[in-house]
Amino acid sequence: MLWTDGPFITTQDLLDRDPDITEVMSSQSMALIGMDGIIQRGVDDAGIYLESKLVSFVTYISSNDLSANHLAAVFYTGSAPNQRRRTTLEMIVVDGESNPAYQSAIKRWAINRVLLAFYLSASSRSQGDRYTERKDMWLKTLIQESWPMLQKSGIPIVYRPMAIPAAACSRNPGTWTSINTHVGAPYTATGPFYVTISYVDQSRYISPTQTQNGEGGPAIPQLVTLTAGDAIQLNLGALIPPNGAVAPEMIARGFTVPLNATGINVYVGLTSGGPMFLQNSTPIPIPNNVPPSTYVLPADPVLSGPLLYTGQYPEAYLSTQDLIQRG
């Protein structure tokens, strides 16, 4: 999972580190989840802090009004220099190791930042210094443990990222919210199933076990309940897949070049957090970067075979001297 794919810290992640937050949430009427929750705000703050440390480079490309030919002919003229990042949050991998239960150093650091933000908020809401000790503990942990650990281990990145379908923090990614049933005998499967999809760049993707980092992470699983005779129908027409080009509206932040989504993989499982299995032998084509409006599974869900992977894996761990500004 990439930093910008969506919420990568859960309530359970915080409870695993500090079981007392349940009581604090209740007594101080604090919200953890949601766009205005402590988790999202803490992740936003962590991202801003991390971006302030990423090495930038000076460029004179400051306007999309200048053509490529003009820039080639009169480079360094006609515009003021500015700085852009060599590495952006879109390239940072927070999950994607071979063991899904493994927490990387960068995720541990982000959890620590959220816990600090949680107790800062709790302290500001309460009278007296009821939460000051806990706030100071997480600040000390952040300064003495999690940040130095991240600096030493390096920040995991992927050179060409592939966002998940309808990534929460991407600009204009489209929507992925609806799974329908389609009547079509002789389907016989019944009961609840969870369905998710992933984007595939087939120029890199070889097979479900040899993705060559050409498959992104899964979208948020959607629930569908089947009765006899029903098939799973996916509504894909509202998605806007990555097209392999630098988004003009993001160019000021850095030159992140995503992969090109040329296909879609479908996965089905019995629970949203349990194993999910590949349903298509080859990726569903996305011609001209426009997904088909619908896709109907050609048979009952298959609950065996290739498993869903958590997403792109790190291609490099950039060390402090490579990635973090000195001073």
Protein backbone atom coordinates (compact mmCIF):
# COMPACT_ATOMS: atom_id res chain seq x y z
CA MET A 1 0.00 0.00 0.00
CA LEU A 2 1.23 3.47 -0.86
CA TRP A 3 1.06 6.40 1.54
CA THR A 4 -1.54 8.13 -0.63
CA ASP A 5 -3.74 5.07 -1.32
CA GLY A 6 -5.90 5.75 1.73
CA PRO A 7 -6.04 5.24 5.49
CA PHE A 8 -3.24 2.83 6.35
CA ILE A 9 -3.56 3.16 10.13
CA THR A 10 -6.53 1.55 11.85
CA THR A 11 -8.06 1.91 15.29
CA GLN A 12 -6.68 -1.54 16.08
CA ASP A 13 -3.15 -0.37 15.22
CA LEU A 14 -3.48 2.30 17.92
CA LEU A 15 -5.07 -0.08 20.43
CA ASP A 16 -2.21 -2.52 19.95
CA ARG A 17 0.19 0.20 21.08
CA ASP A 18 -1.99 1.90 23.71
CA PRO A 19 -5.16 0.14 24.96
CA ASP A 20 -6.14 3.20 27.04
CA ILE A 21 -7.23 5.22 24.02
CA THR A 22 -10.72 3.66 24.14
CA GLU A 23 -11.38 5.21 27.56
CA VAL A 24 -9.86 8.53 26.50
CA MET A 25 -12.01 8.67 23.34
CA SER A 26 -15.14 8.10 25.39
CA SER A 27 -14.35 10.59 28.14
CA GLN A 28 -13.21 13.34 25.75
CA SER A 29 -15.74 12.68 22.92
CA MET A 30 -12.97 12.26 20.36
CA ALA A 31 -13.38 10.78 16.87
CA LEU A 32 -10.62 8.54 15.51
CA ILE A 33 -11.87 7.65 12.03
CA GLY A 34 -13.26 9.75 9.18
CA MET A 35 -11.80 12.66 7.23
CA ASP A 36 -11.88 14.85 10.35
CA GLY A 37 -10.78 12.09 12.74
CA ILE A 38 -7.56 12.03 14.73
CA ILE A 39 -6.06 9.29 12.55
CA GLN A 40 -6.48 11.19 9.28
CA ARG A 41 -5.29 14.46 10.79
CA GLY A 42 -2.28 12.72 12.34
CA VAL A 43 -1.37 11.05 9.04
CA ASP A 44 -1.72 14.42 7.27
CA ASP A 45 0.64 16.03 9.78
CA ALA A 46 3.10 13.14 9.44
CA GLY A 47 3.02 13.51 5.65
CA ILE A 48 3.67 17.25 5.82
CA TYR A 49 6.59 16.67 8.19
CA LEU A 50 8.01 13.93 5.97
CA GLU A 51 7.71 16.06 2.84
CA SER A 52 9.60 18.86 4.58
CA LYS A 53 12.54 16.46 4.88
CA LEU A 54 12.55 15.17 1.32
CA VAL A 55 15.35 16.40 -0.89
CA SER A 56 14.29 18.87 -3.56
CA PHE A 57 15.97 20.08 -6.73
CA VAL A 58 15.92 23.46 -8.45
CA THR A 59 14.07 23.74 -11.75
CA TYR A 60 12.97 26.53 -14.02
CA ILE A 61 9.91 24.68 -15.30
CA SER A 62 7.29 26.77 -13.54
CA SER A 63 4.49 27.03 -16.05
CA ASN A 64 2.46 24.50 -18.02
CA ASP A 65 1.98 27.23 -20.67
CA LEU A 66 5.52 26.64 -22.01
CA SER A 67 5.77 24.00 -24.71
CA ALA A 68 8.39 21.26 -24.68
CA ASN A 69 10.07 22.78 -27.76
CA HIS A 70 10.26 26.18 -26.09
CA LEU A 71 11.80 24.70 -22.95
CA ALA A 72 14.33 22.75 -24.98
CA ALA A 73 15.38 25.85 -26.92
CA VAL A 74 15.52 28.41 -24.13
CA PHE A 75 15.89 26.38 -20.95
CA TYR A 76 16.61 28.41 -17.79
CA THR A 77 15.04 31.58 -19.19
CA GLY A 78 11.70 33.26 -18.89
CA SER A 79 10.74 31.93 -15.47
CA ALA A 80 11.88 32.05 -11.88
CA PRO A 81 13.62 29.01 -10.35
CA ASN A 82 11.68 26.91 -7.87
CA GLN A 83 12.10 23.66 -5.98
CA ARG A 84 10.42 20.32 -6.60
CA ARG A 85 10.76 17.07 -4.68
CA ARG A 86 12.76 14.16 -5.99
CA THR A 87 10.58 11.75 -4.02
CA THR A 88 6.92 12.31 -3.16
CA LEU A 89 4.45 10.67 -0.80
CA GLU A 90 2.89 8.88 -3.80
CA MET A 91 6.11 6.83 -4.09
CA ILE A 92 6.38 5.78 -0.42
CA VAL A 93 5.34 2.22 0.46
CA VAL A 94 3.79 1.78 3.92
CA ASP A 95 2.58 -1.83 3.46
CA GLY A 96 3.50 -4.48 0.95
CA GLU A 97 5.99 -6.79 2.58
CA SER A 98 5.66 -10.55 2.11
CA ASN A 99 4.06 -10.84 5.55
CA PRO A 100 0.85 -8.75 5.73
CA ALA A 101 1.11 -8.59 9.53
CA TYR A 102 4.55 -6.96 9.36
CA GLN A 103 4.71 -3.29 10.33
CA SER A 104 7.44 -1.36 8.55
CA ALA A 105 9.50 1.29 10.30
CA ILE A 106 7.66 4.03 8.43
CA LYS A 107 4.26 2.72 9.52
CA ARG A 108 5.46 2.44 13.14
CA TRP A 109 6.69 6.03 12.95
CA ALA A 110 3.36 7.21 11.52
CA ILE A 111 1.44 5.36 14.26
CA ASN A 112 3.64 7.08 16.83
CA ARG A 113 2.84 10.46 15.26
CA VAL A 114 -0.90 9.71 15.41
CA LEU A 115 -0.69 8.67 19.07
CA LEU A 116 1.14 11.89 19.88
CA ALA A 117 -1.54 13.89 18.04
CA PHE A 118 -4.21 11.93 19.93
CA TYR A 119 -2.85 12.85 23.36
CA LEU A 120 -2.13 16.43 22.33
CA SER A 121 -5.80 16.75 21.42
CA ALA A 122 -6.92 14.99 24.61
CA SER A 123 -4.72 17.22 26.74
CA SER A 124 -6.11 20.38 25.14
CA ARG A 125 -9.69 19.19 25.82
CA SER A 126 -9.24 18.27 29.48
CA GLN A 127 -8.69 20.41 32.53
CA GLY A 128 -5.44 19.99 34.40
CA ASP A 129 -2.60 17.78 33.19
CA ARG A 130 -4.39 14.43 33.08
CA TYR A 131 -2.86 13.38 29.75
CA THR A 132 0.44 15.28 29.85
CA GLU A 133 2.43 12.26 31.05
CA ARG A 134 1.13 10.05 28.23
CA LYS A 135 1.70 12.81 25.67
CA ASP A 136 5.30 13.26 26.87
CA MET A 137 5.86 9.50 26.70
CA TRP A 138 4.85 9.31 23.03
CA LEU A 139 6.87 12.43 22.21
CA LYS A 140 9.94 10.83 23.79
CA THR A 141 9.30 7.60 21.89
CA LEU A 142 9.00 9.56 18.65
CA ILE A 143 12.24 11.49 19.18
CA GLN A 144 14.37 8.72 20.64
CA GLU A 145 13.06 5.60 18.92
CA SER A 146 10.72 5.67 15.93
CA TRP A 147 12.24 8.57 13.96
CA PRO A 148 15.88 7.45 14.45
CA MET A 149 14.80 3.90 13.52
CA LEU A 150 13.21 5.17 10.31
CA GLN A 151 16.29 7.22 9.46
CA LYS A 152 18.55 4.21 9.89
CA SER A 153 16.36 1.69 8.06
CA GLY A 154 15.61 4.04 5.17
CA ILE A 155 12.32 5.09 3.61
CA PRO A 156 10.81 2.40 1.32
CA ILE A 157 9.91 3.69 -2.13
CA VAL A 158 8.70 2.41 -5.48
CA TYR A 159 10.05 4.27 -8.49
CA ARG A 160 6.84 4.14 -10.54
CA PRO A 161 3.78 3.86 -8.29
CA MET A 162 0.40 2.36 -9.12
CA ALA A 163 -2.40 3.80 -6.98
CA ILE A 164 -5.27 1.60 -5.88
CA PRO A 165 -8.61 2.03 -7.68
CA ALA A 166 -10.36 5.14 -6.31
CA ALA A 167 -7.38 5.95 -4.08
CA ALA A 168 -8.52 8.26 -1.29
CA CYS A 169 -5.64 10.73 -1.58
CA SER A 170 -5.27 10.79 -5.37
CA ARG A 171 -6.65 13.61 -7.47
CA ASN A 172 -9.75 12.65 -9.46
CA PRO A 173 -9.38 8.83 -9.21
CA GLY A 174 -13.05 8.12 -9.88
CA THR A 175 -15.25 5.99 -7.63
CA TRP A 176 -15.52 2.36 -6.65
CA THR A 177 -18.60 1.84 -4.52
CA SER A 178 -21.11 -0.42 -6.19
CA ILE A 179 -21.28 -4.19 -6.66
CA ASN A 180 -24.51 -5.56 -8.11
CA THR A 181 -25.97 -8.97 -8.81
CA HIS A 182 -26.75 -10.05 -12.33
CA VAL A 183 -29.27 -12.81 -12.99
CA GLY A 184 -27.71 -15.46 -15.14
CA ALA A 185 -28.25 -19.18 -14.59
CA PRO A 186 -26.58 -21.64 -14.05
CA TYR A 187 -24.90 -19.79 -11.18
CA THR A 188 -25.42 -21.56 -7.88
CA ALA A 189 -23.30 -19.75 -5.24
CA THR A 190 -25.25 -18.14 -2.40
CA GLY A 191 -24.44 -15.98 0.58
CA PRO A 192 -22.26 -12.93 1.26
CA PHE A 193 -19.00 -12.36 -0.61
CA TYR A 194 -16.45 -9.54 -0.58
CA VAL A 195 -15.10 -8.25 -3.88
CA THR A 196 -12.13 -6.05 -4.66
CA ILE A 197 -10.09 -5.10 -7.72
CA SER A 198 -6.58 -3.94 -8.55
CA TYR A 199 -4.96 -2.15 -11.48
CA VAL A 200 -2.34 -3.93 -13.58
CA ASP A 201 0.31 -2.55 -15.93
CA GLN A 202 0.70 -5.46 -18.34
CA SER A 203 4.03 -4.21 -19.67
CA ARG A 204 5.49 -5.41 -16.33
CA TYR A 205 2.96 -7.94 -15.08
CA ILE A 206 3.77 -11.54 -16.02
CA SER A 207 1.51 -13.68 -13.86
CA PRO A 208 -0.25 -13.60 -10.47
CA THR A 209 2.94 -14.86 -8.85
CA GLN A 210 5.32 -12.72 -10.94
CA THR A 211 3.84 -9.25 -10.90
CA GLN A 212 7.23 -7.53 -11.38
CA ASN A 213 5.69 -4.67 -9.35
CA GLY A 214 3.20 -4.16 -12.17
CA GLU A 215 0.12 -4.63 -9.98
CA GLY A 216 -1.14 -2.06 -7.50
CA GLY A 217 -2.92 -2.60 -4.22
CA PRO A 218 -6.56 -3.59 -3.80
CA ALA A 219 -9.51 -1.21 -3.65
CA ILE A 220 -11.71 -1.15 -0.56
CA PRO A 221 -13.59 -4.50 -0.55
CA GLN A 222 -17.30 -4.29 -1.33
CA LEU A 223 -19.97 -6.65 0.01
CA VAL A 224 -22.41 -8.47 -2.25
CA THR A 225 -24.98 -11.12 -1.28
CA LEU A 226 -25.85 -13.74 -3.87
CA THR A 227 -28.90 -15.93 -4.22
CA ALA A 228 -29.15 -18.91 -6.55
CA GLY A 229 -28.95 -17.79 -10.16
CA ASP A 230 -27.08 -14.56 -9.37
CA ALA A 231 -23.69 -13.57 -10.70
CA ILE A 232 -21.39 -10.82 -9.41
CA GLN A 233 -21.48 -7.72 -11.59
CA LEU A 234 -18.83 -5.02 -11.14
CA ASN A 235 -19.55 -1.40 -12.01
CA LEU A 236 -16.24 -0.07 -13.35
CA GLY A 237 -17.30 2.87 -15.50
CA ALA A 238 -16.80 5.52 -12.82
CA LEU A 239 -13.11 4.67 -12.29
CA ILE A 240 -10.33 6.86 -13.69
CA PRO A 241 -7.19 4.69 -13.89
CA PRO A 242 -3.59 6.02 -13.84
CA ASN A 243 -2.46 6.66 -17.41
CA GLY A 244 1.33 6.57 -17.00
CA ALA A 245 1.74 10.33 -17.30
CA VAL A 246 2.67 13.05 -14.83
CA ALA A 247 -0.52 14.78 -13.76
CA PRO A 248 -0.23 18.50 -14.65
CA GLU A 249 -2.00 19.55 -11.47
CA MET A 250 0.63 17.69 -9.38
CA ILE A 251 3.73 18.86 -11.19
CA ALA A 252 4.55 21.54 -8.63
CA ARG A 253 5.01 18.87 -5.94
CA GLY A 254 7.41 16.69 -7.90
CA PHE A 255 7.76 14.59 -11.03
CA THR A 256 6.10 11.35 -9.98
CA VAL A 257 5.47 9.16 -13.03
CA PRO A 258 2.85 6.47 -12.31
CA LEU A 259 2.47 3.16 -14.07
CA ASN A 260 -0.09 2.84 -16.85
CA ALA A 261 -3.18 0.84 -15.81
CA THR A 262 -3.94 -1.38 -18.80
CA GLY A 263 -5.92 -4.08 -17.00
CA ILE A 264 -7.95 -4.98 -13.91
CA ASN A 265 -7.76 -8.04 -11.67
CA VAL A 266 -10.80 -9.17 -9.65
CA TYR A 267 -10.58 -10.88 -6.26
CA VAL A 268 -13.33 -12.46 -4.13
CA GLY A 269 -13.28 -13.71 -0.54
CA LEU A 270 -15.60 -14.59 2.31
CA THR A 271 -14.45 -11.79 4.63
CA SER A 272 -13.12 -8.30 4.02
CA GLY A 273 -9.94 -8.96 5.96
CA GLY A 274 -9.41 -12.60 5.06
CA PRO A 275 -7.90 -14.29 2.01
CA MET A 276 -9.20 -13.14 -1.37
CA PHE A 277 -8.76 -15.16 -4.54
CA LEU A 278 -8.11 -14.13 -8.15
CA GLN A 279 -11.14 -14.64 -10.41
CA ASN A 280 -9.77 -13.88 -13.89
CA SER A 281 -7.05 -15.84 -15.71
CA THR A 282 -5.83 -12.71 -17.50
CA PRO A 283 -6.38 -9.04 -16.60
CA ILE A 284 -9.59 -7.43 -17.84
CA PRO A 285 -8.48 -4.97 -20.56
CA ILE A 286 -8.75 -1.21 -20.08
CA PRO A 287 -8.70 0.08 -23.69
CA ASN A 288 -7.50 3.67 -24.10
CA ASN A 289 -7.51 4.13 -20.31
CA VAL A 290 -11.33 3.76 -20.19
CA PRO A 291 -12.58 0.79 -18.12
CA PRO A 292 -15.59 -1.19 -19.33
CA SER A 293 -18.80 0.07 -17.75
CA THR A 294 -19.56 -3.34 -16.22
CA TYR A 295 -17.96 -6.73 -15.87
CA VAL A 296 -19.85 -9.91 -14.93
CA LEU A 297 -17.96 -12.82 -13.40
CA PRO A 298 -18.37 -15.70 -15.88
CA ALA A 299 -18.94 -18.30 -13.14
CA ASP A 300 -19.45 -18.76 -9.41
CA PRO A 301 -16.75 -17.15 -7.25
CA VAL A 302 -13.58 -19.24 -7.02
CA LEU A 303 -12.26 -19.59 -3.48
CA SER A 304 -8.92 -21.20 -4.27
CA GLY A 305 -5.87 -20.45 -6.36
CA PRO A 306 -3.78 -17.25 -6.55
CA LEU A 307 -4.23 -14.97 -3.56
CA LEU A 308 -4.52 -11.21 -3.42
CA TYR A 309 -1.21 -9.49 -2.71
CA THR A 310 -1.16 -6.33 -0.60
CA GLY A 311 0.23 -4.16 -3.39
CA GLN A 312 3.54 -2.89 -4.67
CA TYR A 313 6.66 -3.84 -2.78
CA PRO A 314 9.58 -1.47 -2.04
CA GLU A 315 12.14 -1.24 -4.83
CA ALA A 316 14.61 0.71 -2.69
CA TYR A 317 15.17 1.86 0.86
CA LEU A 318 16.57 5.34 0.56
CA SER A 319 18.87 6.15 3.43
CA THR A 320 19.06 9.38 5.35
CA GLN A 321 21.93 10.76 3.29
CA ASP A 322 20.10 9.88 0.05
CA LEU A 323 16.67 11.16 0.95
CA ILE A 324 16.60 13.45 3.99
CA GLN A 325 17.90 16.99 3.85
CA ARG A 326 20.79 17.67 6.18
CA GLY A 327 20.90 20.36 8.78
